[in-house]
Amino acid sequence: MAHYPLNHHLRQTYRFLAGLSGLFLTLFGVIGIGKTWGDPFFHRGADWVLGLRTNPAASWLYTIAGVLLLAAVLIGGNLYHRVALVLGWGLCGLGVAIMAFLRTDANILNASMINVIVTIALGLVTLTAGLYGKVGSASAARAEVAAAHNSR
């Protein structure tokens, strides 16, 4: 079973970074929706937003992921911890999937290599934030520290 530290002293810093990641995802998605409005959903045009290629499908996907992450960051607690972990892994997996289909007709998100790099980077930031976002009572945190140091 994985060990996630309880009440890590940098969890607010990581939460802030996850919030920035969610804000970027949301901005990219919303601006992309506006720019690609009226295009077919899986359009393969030359639309660029914030330095990334996009189409309506990618814009909606990133908007939903960004809003979900921002909502979790604002709510906080262990819900944020779980959502950040799942979204972090999901974004990393999405980046790898995008890279696998980059130069094929299956590139339905109209992505380029910079999309892959940014998606994986945001996924890693979100995943790392989730790893240190678990909260618990002070006594539970002390018990975990004691168990970790006494298990040797």
N, C-alpha and C. Protein backbone atom coordinates (compact mmCIF):
# COMPACT_ATOMS: atom_id res chain seq x y z
N MET A 1 0.84 -1.18 0.00
CA MET A 1 0.00 0.00 0.00
C MET A 1 0.89 1.25 0.00
N ALA A 2 0.50 2.22 -0.77
CA ALA A 2 1.28 3.45 -0.87
C ALA A 2 1.18 4.27 0.41
N HIS A 3 2.25 4.94 0.72
CA HIS A 3 2.25 5.81 1.89
C HIS A 3 2.24 7.26 1.41
N TYR A 4 1.19 7.98 1.76
CA TYR A 4 1.09 9.39 1.47
C TYR A 4 1.24 10.14 2.79
N PRO A 5 2.18 11.06 2.87
CA PRO A 5 2.37 11.77 4.14
C PRO A 5 1.15 12.58 4.52
N LEU A 6 0.81 12.54 5.78
CA LEU A 6 -0.31 13.33 6.31
C LEU A 6 0.18 14.71 6.71
N ASN A 7 -0.58 15.72 6.36
CA ASN A 7 -0.32 17.10 6.77
C ASN A 7 1.11 17.55 6.45
N HIS A 8 1.56 17.24 5.24
CA HIS A 8 2.91 17.64 4.84
C HIS A 8 3.04 19.16 4.90
N HIS A 9 4.18 19.64 5.36
CA HIS A 9 4.34 21.08 5.57
C HIS A 9 4.33 21.89 4.27
N LEU A 10 4.53 21.26 3.12
CA LEU A 10 4.48 21.98 1.84
C LEU A 10 3.19 21.73 1.06
N ARG A 11 2.18 21.16 1.71
CA ARG A 11 0.97 20.81 0.96
C ARG A 11 0.26 22.04 0.40
N GLN A 12 0.33 23.18 1.08
CA GLN A 12 -0.31 24.39 0.55
C GLN A 12 0.42 24.92 -0.69
N THR A 13 1.74 24.76 -0.69
CA THR A 13 2.52 25.17 -1.86
C THR A 13 2.16 24.29 -3.05
N TYR A 14 2.09 22.99 -2.83
CA TYR A 14 1.72 22.07 -3.91
C TYR A 14 0.29 22.31 -4.36
N ARG A 15 -0.58 22.62 -3.43
CA ARG A 15 -1.97 22.91 -3.78
C ARG A 15 -2.04 24.16 -4.65
N PHE A 16 -1.23 25.16 -4.35
CA PHE A 16 -1.18 26.37 -5.17
C PHE A 16 -0.70 26.03 -6.58
N LEU A 17 0.32 25.19 -6.69
CA LEU A 17 0.82 24.79 -8.01
C LEU A 17 -0.22 24.00 -8.79
N ALA A 18 -0.97 23.14 -8.09
CA ALA A 18 -2.05 22.40 -8.74
C ALA A 18 -3.13 23.38 -9.21
N GLY A 19 -3.39 24.41 -8.43
CA GLY A 19 -4.35 25.44 -8.83
C GLY A 19 -3.90 26.17 -10.08
N LEU A 20 -2.60 26.47 -10.17
CA LEU A 20 -2.08 27.10 -11.39
C LEU A 20 -2.22 26.18 -12.59
N SER A 21 -1.97 24.89 -12.38
CA SER A 21 -2.14 23.93 -13.48
C SER A 21 -3.60 23.89 -13.92
N GLY A 22 -4.51 23.86 -12.96
CA GLY A 22 -5.94 23.86 -13.29
C GLY A 22 -6.36 25.14 -13.99
N LEU A 23 -5.78 26.26 -13.57
CA LEU A 23 -6.09 27.54 -14.20
C LEU A 23 -5.61 27.55 -15.65
N PHE A 24 -4.40 27.04 -15.90
CA PHE A 24 -3.90 26.98 -17.28
C PHE A 24 -4.77 26.08 -18.13
N LEU A 25 -5.12 24.90 -17.61
CA LEU A 25 -5.97 23.98 -18.37
C LEU A 25 -7.30 24.63 -18.70
N THR A 26 -7.89 25.31 -17.73
CA THR A 26 -9.18 25.96 -17.95
C THR A 26 -9.07 27.10 -18.95
N LEU A 27 -8.06 27.95 -18.80
CA LEU A 27 -7.88 29.06 -19.74
C LEU A 27 -7.65 28.54 -21.16
N PHE A 28 -6.79 27.56 -21.30
CA PHE A 28 -6.53 26.98 -22.62
C PHE A 28 -7.82 26.43 -23.22
N GLY A 29 -8.58 25.73 -22.41
CA GLY A 29 -9.81 25.14 -22.92
C GLY A 29 -10.85 26.18 -23.31
N VAL A 30 -11.07 27.16 -22.43
CA VAL A 30 -12.11 28.16 -22.69
C VAL A 30 -11.74 29.03 -23.89
N ILE A 31 -10.49 29.46 -23.95
CA ILE A 31 -10.06 30.26 -25.11
C ILE A 31 -10.14 29.42 -26.38
N GLY A 32 -9.77 28.14 -26.26
CA GLY A 32 -9.86 27.24 -27.41
C GLY A 32 -11.29 27.03 -27.88
N ILE A 33 -12.22 26.92 -26.94
CA ILE A 33 -13.63 26.78 -27.33
C ILE A 33 -14.08 28.02 -28.10
N GLY A 34 -13.69 29.18 -27.61
CA GLY A 34 -14.06 30.42 -28.30
C GLY A 34 -13.43 30.52 -29.69
N LYS A 35 -12.17 30.12 -29.79
CA LYS A 35 -11.47 30.24 -31.07
C LYS A 35 -11.97 29.22 -32.09
N THR A 36 -12.34 28.03 -31.64
CA THR A 36 -12.75 26.97 -32.59
C THR A 36 -14.26 26.84 -32.70
N TRP A 37 -14.99 27.81 -32.14
CA TRP A 37 -16.46 27.73 -32.18
C TRP A 37 -16.92 27.63 -33.62
N GLY A 38 -17.78 26.67 -33.92
CA GLY A 38 -18.31 26.48 -35.26
C GLY A 38 -17.54 25.48 -36.09
N ASP A 39 -16.34 25.10 -35.66
CA ASP A 39 -15.56 24.08 -36.37
C ASP A 39 -16.14 22.70 -36.03
N PRO A 40 -15.92 21.73 -36.92
CA PRO A 40 -16.30 20.35 -36.56
C PRO A 40 -15.57 19.92 -35.29
N PHE A 41 -16.18 19.01 -34.51
CA PHE A 41 -15.66 18.65 -33.19
C PHE A 41 -14.23 18.12 -33.25
N PHE A 42 -13.91 17.29 -34.23
CA PHE A 42 -12.56 16.74 -34.36
C PHE A 42 -11.80 17.38 -35.51
N HIS A 43 -12.00 18.68 -35.70
CA HIS A 43 -11.37 19.44 -36.78
C HIS A 43 -9.85 19.36 -36.69
N ARG A 44 -9.17 19.24 -37.83
CA ARG A 44 -7.72 19.14 -37.85
C ARG A 44 -7.11 20.40 -38.48
N GLY A 45 -7.59 21.55 -38.10
CA GLY A 45 -7.14 22.81 -38.66
C GLY A 45 -5.86 23.32 -38.00
N ALA A 46 -5.58 24.59 -38.21
CA ALA A 46 -4.35 25.21 -37.70
C ALA A 46 -4.65 26.18 -36.57
N ASP A 47 -5.49 25.78 -35.63
CA ASP A 47 -5.84 26.65 -34.51
C ASP A 47 -4.84 26.48 -33.38
N TRP A 48 -4.29 27.61 -32.92
CA TRP A 48 -3.32 27.62 -31.81
C TRP A 48 -3.84 28.52 -30.71
N VAL A 49 -3.73 28.06 -29.47
CA VAL A 49 -4.15 28.83 -28.31
C VAL A 49 -3.07 28.66 -27.24
N LEU A 50 -2.57 29.76 -26.70
CA LEU A 50 -1.54 29.74 -25.65
C LEU A 50 -0.36 28.85 -26.03
N GLY A 51 -0.01 28.84 -27.29
CA GLY A 51 1.15 28.09 -27.76
C GLY A 51 0.88 26.62 -28.03
N LEU A 52 -0.37 26.18 -27.91
CA LEU A 52 -0.72 24.78 -28.14
C LEU A 52 -1.75 24.68 -29.26
N ARG A 53 -1.66 23.59 -30.03
CA ARG A 53 -2.67 23.35 -31.06
C ARG A 53 -3.94 22.84 -30.40
N THR A 54 -5.06 23.15 -31.03
CA THR A 54 -6.33 22.74 -30.43
C THR A 54 -7.41 22.54 -31.47
N ASN A 55 -8.48 21.93 -31.05
CA ASN A 55 -9.72 21.82 -31.79
C ASN A 55 -10.84 21.76 -30.75
N PRO A 56 -12.10 21.74 -31.15
CA PRO A 56 -13.16 21.74 -30.13
C PRO A 56 -13.08 20.56 -29.15
N ALA A 57 -12.70 19.38 -29.62
CA ALA A 57 -12.61 18.21 -28.73
C ALA A 57 -11.55 18.43 -27.66
N ALA A 58 -10.38 18.88 -28.05
CA ALA A 58 -9.30 19.13 -27.10
C ALA A 58 -9.68 20.26 -26.15
N SER A 59 -10.30 21.29 -26.67
CA SER A 59 -10.70 22.43 -25.83
C SER A 59 -11.67 22.01 -24.76
N TRP A 60 -12.69 21.23 -25.12
CA TRP A 60 -13.65 20.77 -24.13
C TRP A 60 -13.01 19.82 -23.13
N LEU A 61 -12.14 18.94 -23.58
CA LEU A 61 -11.47 18.00 -22.68
C LEU A 61 -10.63 18.72 -21.64
N TYR A 62 -9.83 19.68 -22.09
CA TYR A 62 -8.97 20.42 -21.18
C TYR A 62 -9.79 21.35 -20.26
N THR A 63 -10.88 21.89 -20.76
CA THR A 63 -11.74 22.73 -19.92
C THR A 63 -12.33 21.91 -18.78
N ILE A 64 -12.85 20.73 -19.09
CA ILE A 64 -13.45 19.87 -18.07
C ILE A 64 -12.39 19.46 -17.04
N ALA A 65 -11.21 19.06 -17.51
CA ALA A 65 -10.14 18.67 -16.59
C ALA A 65 -9.72 19.85 -15.72
N GLY A 66 -9.59 21.03 -16.31
CA GLY A 66 -9.18 22.21 -15.55
C GLY A 66 -10.19 22.64 -14.52
N VAL A 67 -11.46 22.64 -14.89
CA VAL A 67 -12.51 23.03 -13.94
C VAL A 67 -12.59 22.02 -12.80
N LEU A 68 -12.46 20.73 -13.12
CA LEU A 68 -12.48 19.70 -12.09
C LEU A 68 -11.32 19.88 -11.11
N LEU A 69 -10.13 20.16 -11.65
CA LEU A 69 -8.97 20.36 -10.79
C LEU A 69 -9.12 21.63 -9.95
N LEU A 70 -9.58 22.71 -10.56
CA LEU A 70 -9.79 23.95 -9.79
C LEU A 70 -10.82 23.77 -8.68
N ALA A 71 -11.90 23.06 -8.98
CA ALA A 71 -12.92 22.81 -7.96
C ALA A 71 -12.33 22.00 -6.81
N ALA A 72 -11.54 20.98 -7.12
CA ALA A 72 -10.93 20.16 -6.08
C ALA A 72 -9.95 20.97 -5.24
N VAL A 73 -9.17 21.84 -5.90
CA VAL A 73 -8.22 22.69 -5.16
C VAL A 73 -8.97 23.63 -4.23
N LEU A 74 -10.06 24.18 -4.68
CA LEU A 74 -10.84 25.11 -3.85
C LEU A 74 -11.52 24.39 -2.68
N ILE A 75 -11.99 23.18 -2.92
CA ILE A 75 -12.64 22.41 -1.84
C ILE A 75 -11.59 21.93 -0.84
N GLY A 76 -10.47 21.44 -1.36
CA GLY A 76 -9.38 20.99 -0.49
C GLY A 76 -9.65 19.65 0.15
N GLY A 77 -8.92 19.38 1.22
CA GLY A 77 -9.09 18.14 1.96
C GLY A 77 -8.64 16.92 1.18
N ASN A 78 -9.13 15.77 1.60
CA ASN A 78 -8.74 14.54 0.95
C ASN A 78 -9.41 14.35 -0.40
N LEU A 79 -10.51 15.08 -0.66
CA LEU A 79 -11.09 15.07 -2.00
C LEU A 79 -10.08 15.63 -3.00
N TYR A 80 -9.47 16.74 -2.64
CA TYR A 80 -8.42 17.33 -3.49
C TYR A 80 -7.28 16.33 -3.71
N HIS A 81 -6.86 15.67 -2.64
CA HIS A 81 -5.78 14.67 -2.72
C HIS A 81 -6.12 13.61 -3.75
N ARG A 82 -7.31 13.05 -3.69
CA ARG A 82 -7.71 11.97 -4.61
C ARG A 82 -7.88 12.48 -6.04
N VAL A 83 -8.54 13.62 -6.20
CA VAL A 83 -8.75 14.16 -7.55
C VAL A 83 -7.42 14.51 -8.21
N ALA A 84 -6.50 15.09 -7.45
CA ALA A 84 -5.20 15.45 -8.01
C ALA A 84 -4.42 14.21 -8.42
N LEU A 85 -4.50 13.16 -7.64
CA LEU A 85 -3.82 11.92 -8.02
C LEU A 85 -4.39 11.35 -9.31
N VAL A 86 -5.71 11.26 -9.38
CA VAL A 86 -6.35 10.68 -10.56
C VAL A 86 -6.11 11.55 -11.79
N LEU A 87 -6.30 12.87 -11.65
CA LEU A 87 -6.08 13.76 -12.80
C LEU A 87 -4.62 13.81 -13.20
N GLY A 88 -3.72 13.74 -12.24
CA GLY A 88 -2.30 13.73 -12.56
C GLY A 88 -1.92 12.52 -13.42
N TRP A 89 -2.35 11.34 -12.96
CA TRP A 89 -2.09 10.14 -13.76
C TRP A 89 -2.82 10.21 -15.10
N GLY A 90 -4.04 10.74 -15.08
CA GLY A 90 -4.81 10.84 -16.32
C GLY A 90 -4.16 11.76 -17.34
N LEU A 91 -3.65 12.90 -16.89
CA LEU A 91 -2.98 13.82 -17.81
C LEU A 91 -1.68 13.22 -18.35
N CYS A 92 -0.94 12.53 -17.51
CA CYS A 92 0.28 11.87 -18.00
C CYS A 92 -0.07 10.81 -19.04
N GLY A 93 -1.10 10.03 -18.76
CA GLY A 93 -1.54 9.01 -19.72
C GLY A 93 -2.05 9.64 -21.00
N LEU A 94 -2.78 10.74 -20.88
CA LEU A 94 -3.27 11.44 -22.07
C LEU A 94 -2.10 11.93 -22.91
N GLY A 95 -1.07 12.48 -22.25
CA GLY A 95 0.10 12.95 -22.99
C GLY A 95 0.78 11.84 -23.77
N VAL A 96 0.90 10.67 -23.16
CA VAL A 96 1.51 9.53 -23.84
C VAL A 96 0.63 9.06 -25.00
N ALA A 97 -0.69 9.02 -24.77
CA ALA A 97 -1.62 8.62 -25.84
C ALA A 97 -1.58 9.61 -27.00
N ILE A 98 -1.52 10.89 -26.68
CA ILE A 98 -1.42 11.90 -27.74
C ILE A 98 -0.15 11.66 -28.55
N MET A 99 0.96 11.39 -27.86
CA MET A 99 2.22 11.16 -28.56
C MET A 99 2.15 9.92 -29.45
N ALA A 100 1.45 8.89 -28.99
CA ALA A 100 1.34 7.66 -29.78
C ALA A 100 0.62 7.90 -31.10
N PHE A 101 -0.33 8.81 -31.12
CA PHE A 101 -1.13 9.05 -32.32
C PHE A 101 -0.79 10.35 -33.03
N LEU A 102 0.33 10.93 -32.68
CA LEU A 102 0.66 12.28 -33.14
C LEU A 102 0.67 12.43 -34.65
N ARG A 103 1.34 11.56 -35.35
CA ARG A 103 1.48 11.72 -36.79
C ARG A 103 0.62 10.73 -37.57
N THR A 104 -0.56 10.45 -37.02
CA THR A 104 -1.49 9.52 -37.67
C THR A 104 -2.83 10.21 -37.86
N ASP A 105 -3.71 9.52 -38.55
CA ASP A 105 -5.07 10.03 -38.71
C ASP A 105 -5.88 9.93 -37.42
N ALA A 106 -5.36 9.22 -36.44
CA ALA A 106 -6.04 9.07 -35.15
C ALA A 106 -5.77 10.25 -34.22
N ASN A 107 -5.08 11.27 -34.68
CA ASN A 107 -4.79 12.46 -33.88
C ASN A 107 -6.06 13.32 -33.80
N ILE A 108 -7.04 12.83 -33.06
CA ILE A 108 -8.34 13.50 -33.03
C ILE A 108 -8.33 14.78 -32.20
N LEU A 109 -7.30 14.99 -31.38
CA LEU A 109 -7.21 16.21 -30.59
C LEU A 109 -6.38 17.29 -31.28
N ASN A 110 -5.96 17.04 -32.51
CA ASN A 110 -5.22 18.01 -33.31
C ASN A 110 -3.98 18.51 -32.57
N ALA A 111 -3.25 17.59 -31.95
CA ALA A 111 -2.13 17.95 -31.09
C ALA A 111 -0.82 18.00 -31.84
N SER A 112 0.16 18.63 -31.21
CA SER A 112 1.54 18.64 -31.69
C SER A 112 2.42 18.20 -30.52
N MET A 113 3.72 18.12 -30.74
CA MET A 113 4.62 17.63 -29.69
C MET A 113 4.61 18.57 -28.48
N ILE A 114 4.41 19.85 -28.68
CA ILE A 114 4.38 20.77 -27.54
C ILE A 114 3.16 20.47 -26.66
N ASN A 115 2.06 20.02 -27.27
CA ASN A 115 0.90 19.61 -26.47
C ASN A 115 1.26 18.43 -25.57
N VAL A 116 2.03 17.49 -26.12
CA VAL A 116 2.46 16.33 -25.34
C VAL A 116 3.30 16.77 -24.15
N ILE A 117 4.28 17.63 -24.40
CA ILE A 117 5.19 18.08 -23.34
C ILE A 117 4.43 18.82 -22.25
N VAL A 118 3.56 19.74 -22.64
CA VAL A 118 2.81 20.54 -21.66
C VAL A 118 1.83 19.66 -20.89
N THR A 119 1.16 18.74 -21.57
CA THR A 119 0.20 17.86 -20.89
C THR A 119 0.89 16.98 -19.86
N ILE A 120 2.03 16.40 -20.23
CA ILE A 120 2.75 15.55 -19.28
C ILE A 120 3.31 16.40 -18.13
N ALA A 121 3.83 17.59 -18.42
CA ALA A 121 4.36 18.45 -17.36
C ALA A 121 3.25 18.85 -16.38
N LEU A 122 2.09 19.25 -16.89
CA LEU A 122 0.97 19.60 -16.00
C LEU A 122 0.50 18.38 -15.22
N GLY A 123 0.53 17.22 -15.86
CA GLY A 123 0.16 15.99 -15.17
C GLY A 123 1.11 15.67 -14.03
N LEU A 124 2.40 15.87 -14.26
CA LEU A 124 3.38 15.60 -13.20
C LEU A 124 3.26 16.58 -12.04
N VAL A 125 3.01 17.85 -12.36
CA VAL A 125 2.80 18.84 -11.30
C VAL A 125 1.56 18.47 -10.48
N THR A 126 0.49 18.12 -11.16
CA THR A 126 -0.76 17.76 -10.48
C THR A 126 -0.58 16.49 -9.66
N LEU A 127 0.09 15.50 -10.23
CA LEU A 127 0.33 14.25 -9.51
C LEU A 127 1.17 14.48 -8.27
N THR A 128 2.24 15.25 -8.40
CA THR A 128 3.09 15.56 -7.24
C THR A 128 2.30 16.30 -6.17
N ALA A 129 1.46 17.23 -6.59
CA ALA A 129 0.64 17.97 -5.63
C ALA A 129 -0.31 17.01 -4.90
N GLY A 130 -0.85 16.06 -5.63
CA GLY A 130 -1.74 15.09 -5.01
C GLY A 130 -1.03 14.17 -4.03
N LEU A 131 0.22 13.85 -4.31
CA LEU A 131 0.98 12.97 -3.42
C LEU A 131 1.16 13.59 -2.04
N TYR A 132 1.26 14.91 -1.98
CA TYR A 132 1.51 15.59 -0.71
C TYR A 132 0.28 16.31 -0.18
N GLY A 133 -0.90 16.00 -0.71
CA GLY A 133 -2.11 16.73 -0.33
C GLY A 133 -2.98 16.07 0.72
N LYS A 134 -2.60 14.90 1.20
CA LYS A 134 -3.45 14.18 2.15
C LYS A 134 -3.45 14.88 3.50
N VAL A 135 -4.62 15.02 4.08
CA VAL A 135 -4.74 15.67 5.38
C VAL A 135 -5.37 14.70 6.37
N GLY A 136 -5.05 14.92 7.63
CA GLY A 136 -5.60 14.10 8.71
C GLY A 136 -5.43 14.83 10.02
N SER A 137 -5.88 14.21 11.07
CA SER A 137 -5.76 14.84 12.39
C SER A 137 -4.29 14.85 12.82
N ALA A 138 -3.98 15.70 13.75
CA ALA A 138 -2.60 15.80 14.24
C ALA A 138 -2.17 14.50 14.90
N SER A 139 -3.07 13.85 15.61
CA SER A 139 -2.71 12.58 16.26
C SER A 139 -2.46 11.48 15.24
N ALA A 140 -3.23 11.47 14.14
CA ALA A 140 -3.00 10.48 13.09
C ALA A 140 -1.65 10.73 12.41
N ALA A 141 -1.30 11.98 12.22
CA ALA A 141 -0.02 12.30 11.60
C ALA A 141 1.13 11.87 12.50
N ARG A 142 1.00 12.13 13.81
CA ARG A 142 2.04 11.69 14.76
C ARG A 142 2.16 10.18 14.78
N ALA A 143 1.04 9.49 14.73
CA ALA A 143 1.06 8.03 14.73
C ALA A 143 1.73 7.49 13.48
N GLU A 144 1.51 8.11 12.33
CA GLU A 144 2.16 7.67 11.10
C GLU A 144 3.67 7.90 11.16
N VAL A 145 4.08 9.05 11.68
CA VAL A 145 5.51 9.33 11.80
C VAL A 145 6.16 8.33 12.75
N ALA A 146 5.51 8.04 13.86
CA ALA A 146 6.05 7.08 14.83
C ALA A 146 6.13 5.69 14.22
N ALA A 147 5.11 5.28 13.48
CA ALA A 147 5.12 3.96 12.85
C ALA A 147 6.21 3.87 11.78
N ALA A 148 6.41 4.94 11.05
CA ALA A 148 7.44 4.94 10.01
C ALA A 148 8.84 4.83 10.60
N HIS A 149 9.07 5.47 11.74
CA HIS A 149 10.40 5.45 12.35
C HIS A 149 10.63 4.21 13.20
N ASN A 150 9.58 3.56 13.67
CA ASN A 150 9.74 2.36 14.49
C ASN A 150 9.74 1.08 13.66
N SER A 151 9.44 1.16 12.37
CA SER A 151 9.34 -0.05 11.55
C SER A 151 10.69 -0.56 11.10
N ARG A 152 11.76 0.13 11.40
CA ARG A 152 13.08 -0.29 10.92
C ARG A 152 13.61 -1.34 11.77
